[in-house]
PDB file of N, CA and C in Angstrom:
ATOM      1  N   MET A   1      -7.258  28.830 -10.797  1.00  0.00           N
ATOM      2  CA  MET A   1      -6.862  28.045 -10.081  1.00  0.00           C
ATOM      3  C   MET A   1      -6.092  29.082  -9.574  1.00  0.00           C
ATOM      4  N   ASP A   2      -6.255  29.120  -8.089  1.00  0.00           N
ATOM      5  CA  ASP A   2      -5.498  30.010  -7.155  1.00  0.00           C
ATOM      6  C   ASP A   2      -4.657  28.719  -6.207  1.00  0.00           C
ATOM      7  N   ARG A   3      -3.550  29.542  -5.381  1.00  0.00           N
ATOM      8  CA  ARG A   3      -2.449  28.891  -5.100  1.00  0.00           C
ATOM      9  C   ARG A   3      -3.017  27.653  -3.577  1.00  0.00           C
ATOM     10  N   TYR A   4      -4.263  28.104  -3.534  1.00  0.00           N
ATOM     11  CA  TYR A   4      -4.531  26.811  -2.664  1.00  0.00           C
ATOM     12  C   TYR A   4      -5.182  25.938  -3.299  1.00  0.00           C
ATOM     13  N   GLU A   5      -5.782  26.244  -4.763  1.00  0.00           N
ATOM     14  CA  GLU A   5      -5.977  24.998  -5.455  1.00  0.00           C
ATOM     15  C   GLU A   5      -4.742  24.167  -6.254  1.00  0.00           C
ATOM     16  N   VAL A   6      -3.776  25.089  -6.279  1.00  0.00           N
ATOM     17  CA  VAL A   6      -3.029  24.648  -7.298  1.00  0.00           C
ATOM     18  C   VAL A   6      -2.392  23.164  -6.354  1.00  0.00           C
ATOM     19  N   ARG A   7      -2.121  23.552  -4.968  1.00  0.00           N
ATOM     20  CA  ARG A   7      -1.616  22.656  -4.083  1.00  0.00           C
ATOM     21  C   ARG A   7      -2.193  21.263  -4.185  1.00  0.00           C
ATOM     22  N   GLY A   8      -3.419  21.239  -4.057  1.00  0.00           N
ATOM     23  CA  GLY A   8      -4.247  19.986  -4.130  1.00  0.00           C
ATOM     24  C   GLY A   8      -4.255  19.291  -5.558  1.00  0.00           C
ATOM     25  N   ALA A   9      -4.282  20.249  -6.296  1.00  0.00           N
ATOM     26  CA  ALA A   9      -3.986  19.963  -7.795  1.00  0.00           C
ATOM     27  C   ALA A   9      -2.449  18.851  -8.301  1.00  0.00           C
ATOM     28  N   LEU A  10      -1.918  19.540  -7.458  1.00  0.00           N
ATOM     29  CA  LEU A  10      -0.041  19.063  -7.654  1.00  0.00           C
ATOM     30  C   LEU A  10      -0.429  17.684  -6.419  1.00  0.00           C
ATOM     31  N   LEU A  11      -0.888  17.599  -5.702  1.00  0.00           N
ATOM     32  CA  LEU A  11      -0.799  16.570  -4.903  1.00  0.00           C
ATOM     33  C   LEU A  11      -1.426  15.390  -5.660  1.00  0.00           C
ATOM     34  N   ALA A  12      -2.583  15.948  -6.183  1.00  0.00           N
ATOM     35  CA  ALA A  12      -3.779  14.657  -6.534  1.00  0.00           C
ATOM     36  C   ALA A  12      -2.737  14.329  -7.932  1.00  0.00           C
ATOM     37  N   ALA A  13      -1.782  14.745  -8.873  1.00  0.00           N
ATOM     38  CA  ALA A  13      -1.502  14.948  -9.790  1.00  0.00           C
ATOM     39  C   ALA A  13      -0.369  13.446  -9.423  1.00  0.00           C
ATOM     40  N   GLY A  14       0.307  13.371  -8.086  1.00  0.00           N
ATOM     41  CA  GLY A  14       1.260  12.362  -7.774  1.00  0.00           C
ATOM     42  C   GLY A  14       2.397  12.938  -7.097  1.00  0.00           C
ATOM     43  N   LEU A  15       2.487  14.653  -7.375  1.00  0.00           N
ATOM     44  CA  LEU A  15       3.474  14.866  -6.891  1.00  0.00           C
ATOM     45  C   LEU A  15       3.879  14.796  -5.464  1.00  0.00           C
ATOM     46  N   SER A  16       5.438  14.758  -5.210  1.00  0.00           N
ATOM     47  CA  SER A  16       5.855  14.500  -3.815  1.00  0.00           C
ATOM     48  C   SER A  16       5.376  15.871  -3.222  1.00  0.00           C
ATOM     49  N   PRO A  17       5.023  16.218  -1.750  1.00  0.00           N
ATOM     50  CA  PRO A  17       5.145  17.187  -1.242  1.00  0.00           C
ATOM     51  C   PRO A  17       6.387  18.093  -1.397  1.00  0.00           C
ATOM     52  N   ASP A  18       7.140  17.431  -1.425  1.00  0.00           N
ATOM     53  CA  ASP A  18       8.727  17.698  -0.921  1.00  0.00           C
ATOM     54  C   ASP A  18       9.031  18.585  -2.527  1.00  0.00           C
ATOM     55  N   ALA A  19       8.222  18.402  -3.313  1.00  0.00           N
ATOM     56  CA  ALA A  19       8.535  19.095  -4.870  1.00  0.00           C
ATOM     57  C   ALA A  19       8.510  20.138  -5.203  1.00  0.00           C
ATOM     58  N   PHE A  20       7.466  21.116  -4.412  1.00  0.00           N
ATOM     59  CA  PHE A  20       7.071  22.425  -4.240  1.00  0.00           C
ATOM     60  C   PHE A  20       6.972  23.328  -3.444  1.00  0.00           C
ATOM     61  N   GLU A  21       6.825  24.463  -3.147  1.00  0.00           N
ATOM     62  CA  GLU A  21       6.791  25.283  -1.890  1.00  0.00           C
ATOM     63  C   GLU A  21       5.996  26.702  -2.424  1.00  0.00           C
ATOM     64  N   ILE A  22       4.796  26.784  -1.850  1.00  0.00           N
ATOM     65  CA  ILE A  22       3.819  27.670  -2.448  1.00  0.00           C
ATOM     66  C   ILE A  22       3.773  28.772  -1.192  1.00  0.00           C
ATOM     67  N   GLU A  23       3.969  29.798  -1.231  1.00  0.00           N
ATOM     68  CA  GLU A  23       4.217  31.073  -0.250  1.00  0.00           C
ATOM     69  C   GLU A  23       2.450  30.870   0.718  1.00  0.00           C
ATOM     70  N   GLY A  24       2.777  31.006   1.668  1.00  0.00           N
ATOM     71  CA  GLY A  24       1.530  31.008   2.657  1.00  0.00           C
ATOM     72  C   GLY A  24       0.920  29.747   2.776  1.00  0.00           C
ATOM     73  N   VAL A  25       0.720  28.767   1.977  1.00  0.00           N
ATOM     74  CA  VAL A  25      -0.016  27.615   1.810  1.00  0.00           C
ATOM     75  C   VAL A  25       0.702  26.249   1.840  1.00  0.00           C
ATOM     76  N   HIS A  26       1.898  25.910   1.414  1.00  0.00           N
ATOM     77  CA  HIS A  26       2.528  25.070   1.651  1.00  0.00           C
ATOM     78  C   HIS A  26       4.085  25.101   1.616  1.00  0.00           C
ATOM     79  N   GLU A  27       4.952  25.381   2.730  1.00  0.00           N
ATOM     80  CA  GLU A  27       6.073  25.774   2.987  1.00  0.00           C
ATOM     81  C   GLU A  27       6.659  24.960   3.954  1.00  0.00           C
ATOM     82  N   HIS A  28       8.067  24.562   3.877  1.00  0.00           N
ATOM     83  CA  HIS A  28       8.892  23.394   4.231  1.00  0.00           C
ATOM     84  C   HIS A  28       9.488  24.070   5.515  1.00  0.00           C
ATOM     85  N   VAL A  29       9.833  23.133   6.354  1.00  0.00           N
ATOM     86  CA  VAL A  29      10.394  22.952   7.787  1.00  0.00           C
ATOM     87  C   VAL A  29      11.075  21.588   8.227  1.00  0.00           C
ATOM     88  N   PRO A  30      12.246  21.647   7.933  1.00  0.00           N
ATOM     89  CA  PRO A  30      13.533  22.487   7.489  1.00  0.00           C
ATOM     90  C   PRO A  30      13.466  22.671   5.907  1.00  0.00           C
ATOM     91  N   VAL A  31      14.021  23.412   5.165  1.00  0.00           N
ATOM     92  CA  VAL A  31      13.930  23.617   3.984  1.00  0.00           C
ATOM     93  C   VAL A  31      14.839  22.561   2.916  1.00  0.00           C
ATOM     94  N   PRO A  32      14.274  21.772   2.364  1.00  0.00           N
ATOM     95  CA  PRO A  32      14.975  20.712   1.549  1.00  0.00           C
ATOM     96  C   PRO A  32      15.880  21.639   0.590  1.00  0.00           C
ATOM     97  N   PRO A  33      16.990  20.934   0.080  1.00  0.00           N
ATOM     98  CA  PRO A  33      17.916  21.373  -0.991  1.00  0.00           C
ATOM     99  C   PRO A  33      17.447  21.675  -2.236  1.00  0.00           C
ATOM    100  N   ASP A  34      16.373  21.489  -2.664  1.00  0.00           N
ATOM    101  CA  ASP A  34      15.961  21.966  -3.884  1.00  0.00           C
ATOM    102  C   ASP A  34      14.364  21.789  -4.106  1.00  0.00           C
ATOM    103  N   PHE A  35      13.685  22.625  -4.558  1.00  0.00           N
ATOM    104  CA  PHE A  35      11.864  22.652  -5.069  1.00  0.00           C
ATOM    105  C   PHE A  35      11.626  23.727  -5.884  1.00  0.00           C
ATOM    106  N   TRP A  36      10.627  23.564  -6.629  1.00  0.00           N
ATOM    107  CA  TRP A  36      10.158  24.684  -7.270  1.00  0.00           C
ATOM    108  C   TRP A  36       9.086  25.584  -6.281  1.00  0.00           C
ATOM    109  N   PHE A  37       8.997  26.861  -6.483  1.00  0.00           N
ATOM    110  CA  PHE A  37       8.456  27.384  -5.808  1.00  0.00           C
ATOM    111  C   PHE A  37       7.043  28.303  -6.092  1.00  0.00           C
ATOM    112  N   LEU A  38       6.229  29.174  -5.646  1.00  0.00           N
ATOM    113  CA  LEU A  38       5.518  30.081  -5.996  1.00  0.00           C
ATOM    114  C   LEU A  38       5.552  31.059  -5.208  1.00  0.00           C
ATOM    115  N   ARG A  39       5.844  32.587  -5.397  1.00  0.00           N
ATOM    116  CA  ARG A  39       5.355  33.374  -4.528  1.00  0.00           C
ATOM    117  C   ARG A  39       5.555  34.851  -5.017  1.00  0.00           C
ATOM    118  N   ARG A  40       4.909  35.274  -4.259  1.00  0.00           N
ATOM    119  CA  ARG A  40       4.979  36.934  -4.463  1.00  0.00           C
ATOM    120  C   ARG A  40       5.963  37.731  -4.672  1.00  0.00           C
ATOM    121  N   SER A  41       6.339  38.375  -5.448  1.00  0.00           N
ATOM    122  CA  SER A  41       7.692  39.110  -5.562  1.00  0.00           C
ATOM    123  C   SER A  41       7.573  40.465  -4.704  1.00  0.00           C
ATOM    124  N   PRO A  42       8.812  41.326  -4.561  1.00  0.00           N
ATOM    125  CA  PRO A  42       8.515  42.624  -3.734  1.00  0.00           C
ATOM    126  C   PRO A  42       7.792  43.482  -4.771  1.00  0.00           C
ATOM    127  N   ASP A  43       7.432  43.379  -5.894  1.00  0.00           N
ATOM    128  CA  ASP A  43       6.873  44.452  -6.672  1.00  0.00           C
ATOM    129  C   ASP A  43       5.290  43.775  -6.894  1.00  0.00           C
ATOM    130  N   GLY A  44       4.940  42.909  -6.352  1.00  0.00           N
ATOM    131  CA  GLY A  44       3.408  42.466  -6.319  1.00  0.00           C
ATOM    132  C   GLY A  44       3.041  41.747  -7.591  1.00  0.00           C
ATOM    133  N   ARG A  45       4.109  41.075  -8.197  1.00  0.00           N
ATOM    134  CA  ARG A  45       3.678  40.411  -8.975  1.00  0.00           C
ATOM    135  C   ARG A  45       3.704  38.742  -8.747  1.00  0.00           C
ATOM    136  N   TRP A  46       3.654  37.972  -9.334  1.00  0.00           N
ATOM    137  CA  TRP A  46       3.728  36.310  -8.874  1.00  0.00           C
ATOM    138  C   TRP A  46       4.789  35.849  -9.422  1.00  0.00           C
ATOM    139  N   GLU A  47       5.486  35.024  -9.032  1.00  0.00           N
ATOM    140  CA  GLU A  47       6.892  34.512  -9.347  1.00  0.00           C
ATOM    141  C   GLU A  47       6.992  32.600  -9.158  1.00  0.00           C
ATOM    142  N   ILE A  48       7.379  32.464 -10.348  1.00  0.00           N
ATOM    143  CA  ILE A  48       8.012  30.819  -9.959  1.00  0.00           C
ATOM    144  C   ILE A  48       9.307  30.321 -10.520  1.00  0.00           C
ATOM    145  N   GLY A  49       9.694  29.438 -10.069  1.00  0.00           N
ATOM    146  CA  GLY A  49      10.786  29.204 -10.374  1.00  0.00           C
ATOM    147  C   GLY A  49      11.490  28.147  -9.623  1.00  0.00           C
ATOM    148  N   LEU A  50      12.836  27.824  -9.418  1.00  0.00           N
ATOM    149  CA  LEU A  50      13.549  26.742  -8.751  1.00  0.00           C
ATOM    150  C   LEU A  50      14.498  27.200  -7.715  1.00  0.00           C
ATOM    151  N   TYR A  51      14.270  26.482  -6.598  1.00  0.00           N
ATOM    152  CA  TYR A  51      15.169  27.005  -5.364  1.00  0.00           C
ATOM    153  C   TYR A  51      16.157  25.742  -5.336  1.00  0.00           C
ATOM    154  N   GLU A  52      17.114  26.330  -5.422  1.00  0.00           N
ATOM    155  CA  GLU A  52      18.272  25.115  -5.305  1.00  0.00           C
ATOM    156  C   GLU A  52      19.814  25.568  -4.283  1.00  0.00           C
ATOM    157  N   ARG A  53      19.841  24.699  -3.615  1.00  0.00           N
ATOM    158  CA  ARG A  53      21.418  25.271  -2.488  1.00  0.00           C
ATOM    159  C   ARG A  53      20.948  26.725  -2.052  1.00  0.00           C
ATOM    160  N   GLY A  54      19.907  27.354  -1.563  1.00  0.00           N
ATOM    161  CA  GLY A  54      19.926  28.490  -0.918  1.00  0.00           C
ATOM    162  C   GLY A  54      19.758  29.600  -2.280  1.00  0.00           C
ATOM    163  N   VAL A  55      19.207  29.492  -3.092  1.00  0.00           N
ATOM    164  CA  VAL A  55      19.177  30.582  -4.328  1.00  0.00           C
ATOM    165  C   VAL A  55      17.742  30.042  -5.309  1.00  0.00           C
ATOM    166  N   HIS A  56      17.308  31.277  -5.013  1.00  0.00           N
ATOM    167  CA  HIS A  56      15.832  31.404  -5.706  1.00  0.00           C
ATOM    168  C   HIS A  56      16.183  31.576  -7.307  1.00  0.00           C
ATOM    169  N   ASP A  57      15.855  30.704  -8.250  1.00  0.00           N
ATOM    170  CA  ASP A  57      16.148  31.316  -9.685  1.00  0.00           C
ATOM    171  C   ASP A  57      14.631  31.066 -10.112  1.00  0.00           C
ATOM    172  N   VAL A  58      14.336  32.476 -10.229  1.00  0.00           N
ATOM    173  CA  VAL A  58      12.769  32.979 -10.830  1.00  0.00           C
ATOM    174  C   VAL A  58      13.137  32.489 -12.618  1.00  0.00           C
ATOM    175  N   ARG A  59      11.849  31.892 -12.678  1.00  0.00           N
ATOM    176  CA  ARG A  59      11.855  31.134 -14.073  1.00  0.00           C
ATOM    177  C   ARG A  59      11.199  32.001 -15.067  1.00  0.00           C
ATOM    178  N   GLN A  60       9.764  32.518 -14.116  1.00  0.00           N
ATOM    179  CA  GLN A  60       8.687  33.621 -14.611  1.00  0.00           C
ATOM    180  C   GLN A  60       7.684  34.469 -13.802  1.00  0.00           C
ATOM    181  N   ALA A  61       7.621  35.438 -13.992  1.00  0.00           N
ATOM    182  CA  ALA A  61       6.744  36.239 -13.340  1.00  0.00           C
ATOM    183  C   ALA A  61       5.415  36.491 -13.838  1.00  0.00           C
ATOM    184  N   TYR A  62       4.499  36.558 -13.415  1.00  0.00           N
ATOM    185  CA  TYR A  62       3.074  36.950 -14.057  1.00  0.00           C
ATOM    186  C   TYR A  62       2.671  38.001 -13.001  1.00  0.00           C
ATOM    187  N   ASP A  63       1.397  38.593 -13.662  1.00  0.00           N
ATOM    188  CA  ASP A  63       0.430  39.724 -13.090  1.00  0.00           C
ATOM    189  C   ASP A  63      -0.478  39.122 -11.957  1.00  0.00           C
ATOM    190  N   SER A  64      -0.878  38.115 -12.296  1.00  0.00           N
ATOM    191  CA  SER A  64      -1.935  37.563 -11.207  1.00  0.00           C
ATOM    192  C   SER A  64      -1.464  36.207 -10.559  1.00  0.00           C
ATOM    193  N   GLU A  65      -2.040  36.035  -9.468  1.00  0.00           N
ATOM    194  CA  GLU A  65      -1.824  34.463  -8.823  1.00  0.00           C
ATOM    195  C   GLU A  65      -2.364  33.340  -9.518  1.00  0.00           C
ATOM    196  N   GLN A  66      -3.595  33.700 -10.364  1.00  0.00           N
ATOM    197  CA  GLN A  66      -3.996  32.765 -10.918  1.00  0.00           C
ATOM    198  C   GLN A  66      -3.119  32.125 -12.059  1.00  0.00           C
ATOM    199  N   ALA A  67      -2.639  33.135 -12.870  1.00  0.00           N
ATOM    200  CA  ALA A  67      -1.688  32.681 -13.906  1.00  0.00           C
ATOM    201  C   ALA A  67      -0.523  31.976 -13.562  1.00  0.00           C
ATOM    202  N   ALA A  68      -0.034  32.224 -12.084  1.00  0.00           N
ATOM    203  CA  ALA A  68       1.141  32.362 -11.710  1.00  0.00           C
ATOM    204  C   ALA A  68       1.000  30.277 -11.485  1.00  0.00           C
ATOM    205  N   ALA A  69       0.079  30.514 -10.439  1.00  0.00           N
ATOM    206  CA  ALA A  69      -0.387  28.870 -10.290  1.00  0.00           C
ATOM    207  C   ALA A  69      -0.420  27.931 -11.628  1.00  0.00           C
ATOM    208  N   GLY A  70      -1.264  28.201 -12.647  1.00  0.00           N
ATOM    209  CA  GLY A  70      -1.341  27.739 -13.809  1.00  0.00           C
ATOM    210  C   GLY A  70       0.127  27.297 -14.158  1.00  0.00           C
ATOM    211  N   GLY A  71       0.896  28.509 -14.090  1.00  0.00           N
ATOM    212  CA  GLY A  71       2.366  28.132 -14.532  1.00  0.00           C
ATOM    213  C   GLY A  71       2.751  27.563 -13.970  1.00  0.00           C
ATOM    214  N   LEU A  72       2.605  26.884 -12.702  1.00  0.00           N
ATOM    215  CA  LEU A  72       3.412  26.158 -11.380  1.00  0.00           C
ATOM    216  C   LEU A  72       3.200  25.066 -11.752  1.00  0.00           C
ATOM    217  N   TYR A  73       1.920  24.572 -12.012  1.00  0.00           N
ATOM    218  CA  TYR A  73       0.977  23.320 -12.369  1.00  0.00           C
ATOM    219  C   TYR A  73       1.686  22.769 -13.616  1.00  0.00           C
ATOM    220  N   ALA A  74       1.997  23.789 -14.645  1.00  0.00           N
ATOM    221  CA  ALA A  74       2.210  23.358 -15.874  1.00  0.00           C
ATOM    222  C   ALA A  74       4.082  22.845 -15.886  1.00  0.00           C
ATOM    223  N   ALA A  75       4.557  23.622 -15.130  1.00  0.00           N
ATOM    224  CA  ALA A  75       6.141  23.618 -14.830  1.00  0.00           C
ATOM    225  C   ALA A  75       6.280  22.064 -14.739  1.00  0.00           C
ATOM    226  N   LEU A  76       5.305  21.634 -13.390  1.00  0.00           N
ATOM    227  CA  LEU A  76       5.708  20.674 -12.560  1.00  0.00           C
ATOM    228  C   LEU A  76       5.079  19.146 -13.311  1.00  0.00           C
ATOM    229  N   THR A  77       4.178  19.263 -13.921  1.00  0.00           N
ATOM    230  CA  THR A  77       3.404  18.177 -14.729  1.00  0.00           C
ATOM    231  C   THR A  77       3.878  18.043 -15.997  1.00  0.00           C
ATOM    232  N   GLY A  78       3.697  19.183 -17.034  1.00  0.00           N
ATOM    233  CA  GLY A  78       3.870  19.327 -18.207  1.00  0.00           C
ATOM    234  C   GLY A  78       2.571  19.395 -18.974  1.00  0.00           C
ATOM    235  N   ARG A  79       1.373  19.678 -18.202  1.00  0.00           N
ATOM    236  CA  ARG A  79       0.175  19.557 -18.798  1.00  0.00           C
ATOM    237  C   ARG A  79      -0.072  21.122 -18.252  1.00  0.00           C
ATOM    238  N   PRO A  80      -1.421  21.285 -18.737  1.00  0.00           N
ATOM    239  CA  PRO A  80      -1.882  22.581 -18.805  1.00  0.00           C
ATOM    240  C   PRO A  80      -2.757  22.658 -17.359  1.00  0.00           C
ATOM    241  N   ALA A  81      -2.859  23.452 -16.732  1.00  0.00           N
ATOM    242  CA  ALA A  81      -3.600  23.416 -15.299  1.00  0.00           C
ATOM    243  C   ALA A  81      -5.007  22.832 -15.628  1.00  0.00           C
ATOM    244  N   PRO A  82      -5.444  22.015 -14.729  1.00  0.00           N
ATOM    245  CA  PRO A  82      -7.184  21.782 -14.772  1.00  0.00           C
ATOM    246  C   PRO A  82      -8.073  22.946 -14.396  1.00  0.00           C
ATOM    247  N   CYS A  83      -8.875  23.361 -15.256  1.00  0.00           N
ATOM    248  CA  CYS A  83     -10.128  24.396 -15.026  1.00  0.00           C
ATOM    249  C   CYS A  83     -10.905  24.062 -13.555  1.00  0.00           C
TER     250      CYS A  83
END
């Protein structure tokens, strides 16, 4: 699953669009006070974490977009990512 597919999977799982942000795919304007994020890090890895009150708190870094997308799905749903 890539970042485009995880957006659809999260919405299909019933999550609010305000609950997450995915770089280049699903971004907020204006920015809400808190949400989970998936983004590319400056070193080229992929990060997931929680944004709250202007601070990005990275919870996990991954070597691939697919692994990060699965990690975001699991963090938000409590279930493994669908195949």
